[in-house]
Amino acid sequence: MKTVRISLDSIDKVKAFVNTINRFTFDFDLVSGRYVIDAKSIMGIFSLDLSKTIDLNIHTDGDDLDTVLSVLEPYIVEQ
């Protein structure tokens, strides 16, 4: 598992992010404070405070992780 901080500060970014990660079969969690949300759930994401950065837990490793990190680069603010 790898955790990165992401920013989803607009509706268009949220839509694009969800469409991007739904291409993968493994799990992603968004963690904001005490809330843990399935990152593939657009409704769940909109329940978070999107004005702040959010931790994204990526539940994979190896080549899959490298692929995900390159695809998610536009959203990542720090690794």
PDB file of N, CA and C in Angstrom:
ATOM      1  N   MET A   1       0.850  -1.184   0.000  1.00  0.00           N
ATOM      2  CA  MET A   1       0.000   0.000   0.000  1.00  0.00           C
ATOM      3  C   MET A   1       0.893   1.244   0.000  1.00  0.00           C
ATOM      4  N   LYS A   2       0.451   2.246  -0.708  1.00  0.00           N
ATOM      5  CA  LYS A   2       1.154   3.535  -0.787  1.00  0.00           C
ATOM      6  C   LYS A   2       0.150   4.632  -0.510  1.00  0.00           C
ATOM      7  N   THR A   3       0.574   5.662   0.216  1.00  0.00           N
ATOM      8  CA  THR A   3      -0.283   6.808   0.508  1.00  0.00           C
ATOM      9  C   THR A   3       0.321   8.056  -0.114  1.00  0.00           C
ATOM     10  N   VAL A   4      -0.509   8.809  -0.835  1.00  0.00           N
ATOM     11  CA  VAL A   4      -0.100  10.086  -1.409  1.00  0.00           C
ATOM     12  C   VAL A   4      -1.163  11.123  -1.056  1.00  0.00           C
ATOM     13  N   ARG A   5      -0.774  12.383  -1.077  1.00  0.00           N
ATOM     14  CA  ARG A   5      -1.733  13.461  -0.833  1.00  0.00           C
ATOM     15  C   ARG A   5      -2.183  14.004  -2.182  1.00  0.00           C
ATOM     16  N   ILE A   6      -3.500  14.183  -2.315  1.00  0.00           N
ATOM     17  CA  ILE A   6      -4.049  14.666  -3.576  1.00  0.00           C
ATOM     18  C   ILE A   6      -4.927  15.883  -3.330  1.00  0.00           C
ATOM     19  N   SER A   7      -5.195  16.596  -4.399  1.00  0.00           N
ATOM     20  CA  SER A   7      -6.093  17.741  -4.359  1.00  0.00           C
ATOM     21  C   SER A   7      -7.199  17.519  -5.385  1.00  0.00           C
ATOM     22  N   LEU A   8      -8.445  17.618  -4.929  1.00  0.00           N
ATOM     23  CA  LEU A   8      -9.623  17.500  -5.796  1.00  0.00           C
ATOM     24  C   LEU A   8     -10.475  18.742  -5.568  1.00  0.00           C
ATOM     25  N   ASP A   9      -9.989  19.890  -6.049  1.00  0.00           N
ATOM     26  CA  ASP A   9     -10.600  21.163  -5.702  1.00  0.00           C
ATOM     27  C   ASP A   9     -11.632  21.694  -6.697  1.00  0.00           C
ATOM     28  N   SER A  10     -12.100  20.826  -7.604  1.00  0.00           N
ATOM     29  CA  SER A  10     -13.179  21.247  -8.515  1.00  0.00           C
ATOM     30  C   SER A  10     -14.023  20.030  -8.900  1.00  0.00           C
ATOM     31  N   ILE A  11     -15.233  20.295  -9.324  1.00  0.00           N
ATOM     32  CA  ILE A  11     -16.144  19.213  -9.721  1.00  0.00           C
ATOM     33  C   ILE A  11     -15.562  18.438 -10.899  1.00  0.00           C
ATOM     34  N   ASP A  12     -14.990  19.143 -11.860  1.00  0.00           N
ATOM     35  CA  ASP A  12     -14.400  18.478 -13.027  1.00  0.00           C
ATOM     36  C   ASP A  12     -13.237  17.573 -12.633  1.00  0.00           C
ATOM     37  N   LYS A  13     -12.426  18.018 -11.662  1.00  0.00           N
ATOM     38  CA  LYS A  13     -11.318  17.186 -11.191  1.00  0.00           C
ATOM     39  C   LYS A  13     -11.832  15.915 -10.524  1.00  0.00           C
ATOM     40  N   VAL A  14     -12.899  16.036  -9.735  1.00  0.00           N
ATOM     41  CA  VAL A  14     -13.474  14.870  -9.059  1.00  0.00           C
ATOM     42  C   VAL A  14     -13.976  13.870 -10.089  1.00  0.00           C
ATOM     43  N   LYS A  15     -14.711  14.342 -11.086  1.00  0.00           N
ATOM     44  CA  LYS A  15     -15.239  13.452 -12.130  1.00  0.00           C
ATOM     45  C   LYS A  15     -14.109  12.740 -12.867  1.00  0.00           C
ATOM     46  N   ALA A  16     -13.101  13.493 -13.264  1.00  0.00           N
ATOM     47  CA  ALA A  16     -11.978  12.911 -13.995  1.00  0.00           C
ATOM     48  C   ALA A  16     -11.219  11.910 -13.120  1.00  0.00           C
ATOM     49  N   PHE A  17     -11.041  12.237 -11.845  1.00  0.00           N
ATOM     50  CA  PHE A  17     -10.343  11.351 -10.913  1.00  0.00           C
ATOM     51  C   PHE A  17     -11.088  10.025 -10.769  1.00  0.00           C
ATOM     52  N   VAL A  18     -12.387  10.077 -10.549  1.00  0.00           N
ATOM     53  CA  VAL A  18     -13.186   8.859 -10.381  1.00  0.00           C
ATOM     54  C   VAL A  18     -13.156   8.024 -11.662  1.00  0.00           C
ATOM     55  N   ASN A  19     -13.286   8.654 -12.809  1.00  0.00           N
ATOM     56  CA  ASN A  19     -13.223   7.921 -14.077  1.00  0.00           C
ATOM     57  C   ASN A  19     -11.856   7.256 -14.255  1.00  0.00           C
ATOM     58  N   THR A  20     -10.808   7.923 -13.833  1.00  0.00           N
ATOM     59  CA  THR A  20      -9.456   7.385 -13.967  1.00  0.00           C
ATOM     60  C   THR A  20      -9.248   6.168 -13.077  1.00  0.00           C
ATOM     61  N   ILE A  21      -9.599   6.271 -11.802  1.00  0.00           N
ATOM     62  CA  ILE A  21      -9.307   5.143 -10.904  1.00  0.00           C
ATOM     63  C   ILE A  21     -10.263   3.971 -11.089  1.00  0.00           C
ATOM     64  N   ASN A  22     -11.412   4.202 -11.688  1.00  0.00           N
ATOM     65  CA  ASN A  22     -12.321   3.085 -11.946  1.00  0.00           C
ATOM     66  C   ASN A  22     -11.794   2.141 -13.026  1.00  0.00           C
ATOM     67  N   ARG A  23     -10.749   2.533 -13.727  1.00  0.00           N
ATOM     68  CA  ARG A  23     -10.123   1.645 -14.712  1.00  0.00           C
ATOM     69  C   ARG A  23      -9.306   0.543 -14.045  1.00  0.00           C
ATOM     70  N   PHE A  24      -8.992   0.724 -12.763  1.00  0.00           N
ATOM     71  CA  PHE A  24      -8.158  -0.236 -12.034  1.00  0.00           C
ATOM     72  C   PHE A  24      -9.032  -1.150 -11.182  1.00  0.00           C
ATOM     73  N   THR A  25      -8.575  -2.401 -10.979  1.00  0.00           N
ATOM     74  CA  THR A  25      -9.380  -3.377 -10.246  1.00  0.00           C
ATOM     75  C   THR A  25      -9.123  -3.365  -8.744  1.00  0.00           C
ATOM     76  N   PHE A  26      -8.011  -2.801  -8.307  1.00  0.00           N
ATOM     77  CA  PHE A  26      -7.708  -2.821  -6.878  1.00  0.00           C
ATOM     78  C   PHE A  26      -8.365  -1.637  -6.174  1.00  0.00           C
ATOM     79  N   ASP A  27      -8.228  -1.611  -4.832  1.00  0.00           N
ATOM     80  CA  ASP A  27      -8.942  -0.636  -4.012  1.00  0.00           C
ATOM     81  C   ASP A  27      -8.153   0.642  -3.792  1.00  0.00           C
ATOM     82  N   PHE A  28      -8.915   1.728  -3.629  1.00  0.00           N
ATOM     83  CA  PHE A  28      -8.384   3.042  -3.286  1.00  0.00           C
ATOM     84  C   PHE A  28      -9.255   3.590  -2.167  1.00  0.00           C
ATOM     85  N   ASP A  29      -8.637   4.180  -1.146  1.00  0.00           N
ATOM     86  CA  ASP A  29      -9.377   4.830  -0.067  1.00  0.00           C
ATOM     87  C   ASP A  29      -8.937   6.280   0.037  1.00  0.00           C
ATOM     88  N   LEU A  30      -9.896   7.165   0.298  1.00  0.00           N
ATOM     89  CA  LEU A  30      -9.583   8.550   0.601  1.00  0.00           C
ATOM     90  C   LEU A  30      -9.758   8.743   2.097  1.00  0.00           C
ATOM     91  N   VAL A  31      -8.764   9.373   2.729  1.00  0.00           N
ATOM     92  CA  VAL A  31      -8.807   9.590   4.170  1.00  0.00           C
ATOM     93  C   VAL A  31      -8.718  11.090   4.428  1.00  0.00           C
ATOM     94  N   SER A  32      -9.746  11.607   5.088  1.00  0.00           N
ATOM     95  CA  SER A  32      -9.792  13.017   5.456  1.00  0.00           C
ATOM     96  C   SER A  32     -10.223  13.092   6.911  1.00  0.00           C
ATOM     97  N   GLY A  33      -9.260  13.385   7.776  1.00  0.00           N
ATOM     98  CA  GLY A  33      -9.559  13.389   9.212  1.00  0.00           C
ATOM     99  C   GLY A  33      -9.934  11.994   9.675  1.00  0.00           C
ATOM    100  N   ARG A  34     -11.122  11.853  10.239  1.00  0.00           N
ATOM    101  CA  ARG A  34     -11.560  10.534  10.727  1.00  0.00           C
ATOM    102  C   ARG A  34     -12.413   9.789   9.714  1.00  0.00           C
ATOM    103  N   TYR A  35     -12.606  10.370   8.544  1.00  0.00           N
ATOM    104  CA  TYR A  35     -13.438   9.743   7.511  1.00  0.00           C
ATOM    105  C   TYR A  35     -12.588   8.963   6.512  1.00  0.00           C
ATOM    106  N   VAL A  36     -13.030   7.754   6.199  1.00  0.00           N
ATOM    107  CA  VAL A  36     -12.399   6.927   5.169  1.00  0.00           C
ATOM    108  C   VAL A  36     -13.469   6.604   4.144  1.00  0.00           C
ATOM    109  N   ILE A  37     -13.228   6.986   2.905  1.00  0.00           N
ATOM    110  CA  ILE A  37     -14.211   6.877   1.833  1.00  0.00           C
ATOM    111  C   ILE A  37     -13.629   6.024   0.700  1.00  0.00           C
ATOM    112  N   ASP A  38     -14.475   5.217   0.074  1.00  0.00           N
ATOM    113  CA  ASP A  38     -14.074   4.494  -1.127  1.00  0.00           C
ATOM    114  C   ASP A  38     -13.839   5.533  -2.226  1.00  0.00           C
ATOM    115  N   ALA A  39     -12.613   5.601  -2.734  1.00  0.00           N
ATOM    116  CA  ALA A  39     -12.256   6.634  -3.707  1.00  0.00           C
ATOM    117  C   ALA A  39     -12.968   6.459  -5.047  1.00  0.00           C
ATOM    118  N   LYS A  40     -13.570   5.308  -5.281  1.00  0.00           N
ATOM    119  CA  LYS A  40     -14.298   5.083  -6.531  1.00  0.00           C
ATOM    120  C   LYS A  40     -15.740   5.579  -6.438  1.00  0.00           C
ATOM    121  N   SER A  41     -16.140   6.093  -5.286  1.00  0.00           N
ATOM    122  CA  SER A  41     -17.500   6.579  -5.060  1.00  0.00           C
ATOM    123  C   SER A  41     -17.550   8.095  -5.190  1.00  0.00           C
ATOM    124  N   ILE A  42     -18.147   8.566  -6.258  1.00  0.00           N
ATOM    125  CA  ILE A  42     -18.221  10.018  -6.474  1.00  0.00           C
ATOM    126  C   ILE A  42     -19.064  10.689  -5.386  1.00  0.00           C
ATOM    127  N   MET A  43     -20.109  10.013  -4.933  1.00  0.00           N
ATOM    128  CA  MET A  43     -20.945  10.580  -3.863  1.00  0.00           C
ATOM    129  C   MET A  43     -20.152  10.652  -2.560  1.00  0.00           C
ATOM    130  N   GLY A  44     -19.357   9.639  -2.284  1.00  0.00           N
ATOM    131  CA  GLY A  44     -18.525   9.656  -1.088  1.00  0.00           C
ATOM    132  C   GLY A  44     -17.523  10.792  -1.103  1.00  0.00           C
ATOM    133  N   ILE A  45     -16.921  11.027  -2.249  1.00  0.00           N
ATOM    134  CA  ILE A  45     -15.932  12.099  -2.368  1.00  0.00           C
ATOM    135  C   ILE A  45     -16.571  13.454  -2.088  1.00  0.00           C
ATOM    136  N   PHE A  46     -17.781  13.660  -2.582  1.00  0.00           N
ATOM    137  CA  PHE A  46     -18.430  14.950  -2.365  1.00  0.00           C
ATOM    138  C   PHE A  46     -18.860  15.157  -0.907  1.00  0.00           C
ATOM    139  N   SER A  47     -18.775  14.113  -0.084  1.00  0.00           N
ATOM    140  CA  SER A  47     -19.086  14.281   1.340  1.00  0.00           C
ATOM    141  C   SER A  47     -17.869  14.797   2.118  1.00  0.00           C
ATOM    142  N   LEU A  48     -16.709  14.865   1.463  1.00  0.00           N
ATOM    143  CA  LEU A  48     -15.484  15.333   2.111  1.00  0.00           C
ATOM    144  C   LEU A  48     -15.298  16.833   1.910  1.00  0.00           C
ATOM    145  N   ASP A  49     -14.433  17.422   2.725  1.00  0.00           N
ATOM    146  CA  ASP A  49     -14.051  18.827   2.570  1.00  0.00           C
ATOM    147  C   ASP A  49     -12.984  18.895   1.475  1.00  0.00           C
ATOM    148  N   LEU A  50     -13.400  19.281   0.278  1.00  0.00           N
ATOM    149  CA  LEU A  50     -12.495  19.269  -0.877  1.00  0.00           C
ATOM    150  C   LEU A  50     -11.613  20.511  -0.969  1.00  0.00           C
ATOM    151  N   SER A  51     -11.759  21.432  -0.013  1.00  0.00           N
ATOM    152  CA  SER A  51     -10.894  22.613  -0.014  1.00  0.00           C
ATOM    153  C   SER A  51      -9.511  22.282   0.552  1.00  0.00           C
ATOM    154  N   LYS A  52      -9.380  21.106   1.184  1.00  0.00           N
ATOM    155  CA  LYS A  52      -8.114  20.668   1.761  1.00  0.00           C
ATOM    156  C   LYS A  52      -7.565  19.488   0.958  1.00  0.00           C
ATOM    157  N   THR A  53      -6.273  19.215   1.131  1.00  0.00           N
ATOM    158  CA  THR A  53      -5.710  18.028   0.492  1.00  0.00           C
ATOM    159  C   THR A  53      -6.210  16.787   1.232  1.00  0.00           C
ATOM    160  N   ILE A  54      -6.224  15.660   0.530  1.00  0.00           N
ATOM    161  CA  ILE A  54      -6.777  14.411   1.039  1.00  0.00           C
ATOM    162  C   ILE A  54      -5.730  13.320   0.845  1.00  0.00           C
ATOM    163  N   ASP A  55      -5.645  12.404   1.813  1.00  0.00           N
ATOM    164  CA  ASP A  55      -4.753  11.251   1.665  1.00  0.00           C
ATOM    165  C   ASP A  55      -5.433  10.193   0.806  1.00  0.00           C
ATOM    166  N   LEU A  56      -4.720   9.689  -0.174  1.00  0.00           N
ATOM    167  CA  LEU A  56      -5.198   8.603  -1.022  1.00  0.00           C
ATOM    168  C   LEU A  56      -4.365   7.367  -0.725  1.00  0.00           C
ATOM    169  N   ASN A  57      -5.015   6.307  -0.224  1.00  0.00           N
ATOM    170  CA  ASN A  57      -4.357   5.031   0.004  1.00  0.00           C
ATOM    171  C   ASN A  57      -4.563   4.157  -1.227  1.00  0.00           C
ATOM    172  N   ILE A  58      -3.466   3.726  -1.829  1.00  0.00           N
ATOM    173  CA  ILE A  58      -3.507   2.892  -3.023  1.00  0.00           C
ATOM    174  C   ILE A  58      -3.125   1.474  -2.598  1.00  0.00           C
ATOM    175  N   HIS A  59      -4.043   0.537  -2.743  1.00  0.00           N
ATOM    176  CA  HIS A  59      -3.831  -0.827  -2.257  1.00  0.00           C
ATOM    177  C   HIS A  59      -3.280  -1.742  -3.352  1.00  0.00           C
ATOM    178  N   THR A  60      -2.049  -1.468  -3.760  1.00  0.00           N
ATOM    179  CA  THR A  60      -1.333  -2.306  -4.723  1.00  0.00           C
ATOM    180  C   THR A  60       0.152  -1.993  -4.613  1.00  0.00           C
ATOM    181  N   ASP A  61       0.968  -2.713  -5.351  1.00  0.00           N
ATOM    182  CA  ASP A  61       2.403  -2.450  -5.357  1.00  0.00           C
ATOM    183  C   ASP A  61       3.002  -2.876  -6.691  1.00  0.00           C
ATOM    184  N   GLY A  62       4.302  -2.753  -6.815  1.00  0.00           N
ATOM    185  CA  GLY A  62       4.996  -3.181  -8.024  1.00  0.00           C
ATOM    186  C   GLY A  62       4.683  -2.323  -9.235  1.00  0.00           C
ATOM    187  N   ASP A  63       4.587  -2.987 -10.387  1.00  0.00           N
ATOM    188  CA  ASP A  63       4.339  -2.280 -11.648  1.00  0.00           C
ATOM    189  C   ASP A  63       2.997  -1.568 -11.640  1.00  0.00           C
ATOM    190  N   ASP A  64       1.981  -2.180 -11.008  1.00  0.00           N
ATOM    191  CA  ASP A  64       0.669  -1.531 -10.932  1.00  0.00           C
ATOM    192  C   ASP A  64       0.771  -0.196 -10.221  1.00  0.00           C
ATOM    193  N   LEU A  65       1.544  -0.141  -9.150  1.00  0.00           N
ATOM    194  CA  LEU A  65       1.697   1.106  -8.394  1.00  0.00           C
ATOM    195  C   LEU A  65       2.355   2.180  -9.247  1.00  0.00           C
ATOM    196  N   ASP A  66       3.388   1.815  -9.986  1.00  0.00           N
ATOM    197  CA  ASP A  66       4.054   2.779 -10.868  1.00  0.00           C
ATOM    198  C   ASP A  66       3.090   3.336 -11.904  1.00  0.00           C
ATOM    199  N   THR A  67       2.256   2.460 -12.462  1.00  0.00           N
ATOM    200  CA  THR A  67       1.270   2.891 -13.453  1.00  0.00           C
ATOM    201  C   THR A  67       0.272   3.862 -12.844  1.00  0.00           C
ATOM    202  N   VAL A  68      -0.243   3.514 -11.677  1.00  0.00           N
ATOM    203  CA  VAL A  68      -1.233   4.372 -11.007  1.00  0.00           C
ATOM    204  C   VAL A  68      -0.641   5.733 -10.691  1.00  0.00           C
ATOM    205  N   LEU A  69       0.564   5.746 -10.147  1.00  0.00           N
ATOM    206  CA  LEU A  69       1.179   7.022  -9.784  1.00  0.00           C
ATOM    207  C   LEU A  69       1.389   7.916 -10.997  1.00  0.00           C
ATOM    208  N   SER A  70       1.738   7.339 -12.133  1.00  0.00           N
ATOM    209  CA  SER A  70       1.930   8.167 -13.328  1.00  0.00           C
ATOM    210  C   SER A  70       0.596   8.697 -13.846  1.00  0.00           C
ATOM    211  N   VAL A  71      -0.461   7.882 -13.763  1.00  0.00           N
ATOM    212  CA  VAL A  71      -1.787   8.314 -14.236  1.00  0.00           C
ATOM    213  C   VAL A  71      -2.385   9.370 -13.309  1.00  0.00           C
ATOM    214  N   LEU A  72      -2.109   9.259 -12.022  1.00  0.00           N
ATOM    215  CA  LEU A  72      -2.690  10.182 -11.039  1.00  0.00           C
ATOM    216  C   LEU A  72      -1.838  11.423 -10.789  1.00  0.00           C
ATOM    217  N   GLU A  73      -0.766  11.572 -11.517  1.00  0.00           N
ATOM    218  CA  GLU A  73       0.148  12.695 -11.306  1.00  0.00           C
ATOM    219  C   GLU A  73      -0.531  14.073 -11.290  1.00  0.00           C
ATOM    220  N   PRO A  74      -1.541  14.332 -12.132  1.00  0.00           N
ATOM    221  CA  PRO A  74      -2.181  15.654 -12.090  1.00  0.00           C
ATOM    222  C   PRO A  74      -2.874  15.980 -10.763  1.00  0.00           C
ATOM    223  N   TYR A  75      -3.198  14.966  -9.973  1.00  0.00           N
ATOM    224  CA  TYR A  75      -3.908  15.178  -8.715  1.00  0.00           C
ATOM    225  C   TYR A  75      -2.995  15.172  -7.501  1.00  0.00           C
ATOM    226  N   ILE A  76      -1.809  14.614  -7.632  1.00  0.00           N
ATOM    227  CA  ILE A  76      -0.906  14.431  -6.502  1.00  0.00           C
ATOM    228  C   ILE A  76      -0.205  15.740  -6.163  1.00  0.00           C
ATOM    229  N   VAL A  77      -0.257  16.109  -4.859  1.00  0.00           N
ATOM    230  CA  VAL A  77       0.439  17.306  -4.414  1.00  0.00           C
ATOM    231  C   VAL A  77       1.720  16.960  -3.668  1.00  0.00           C
ATOM    232  N   GLU A  78       1.796  15.775  -3.052  1.00  0.00           N
ATOM    233  CA  GLU A  78       3.038  15.305  -2.427  1.00  0.00           C
ATOM    234  C   GLU A  78       2.968  13.795  -2.234  1.00  0.00           C
ATOM    235  N   GLN A  79       4.121  13.161  -2.304  1.00  0.00           N
ATOM    236  CA  GLN A  79       4.175  11.693  -2.138  1.00  0.00           C
ATOM    237  C   GLN A  79       4.849  11.325  -0.850  1.00  0.00           C
TER     238      GLN A  79
END
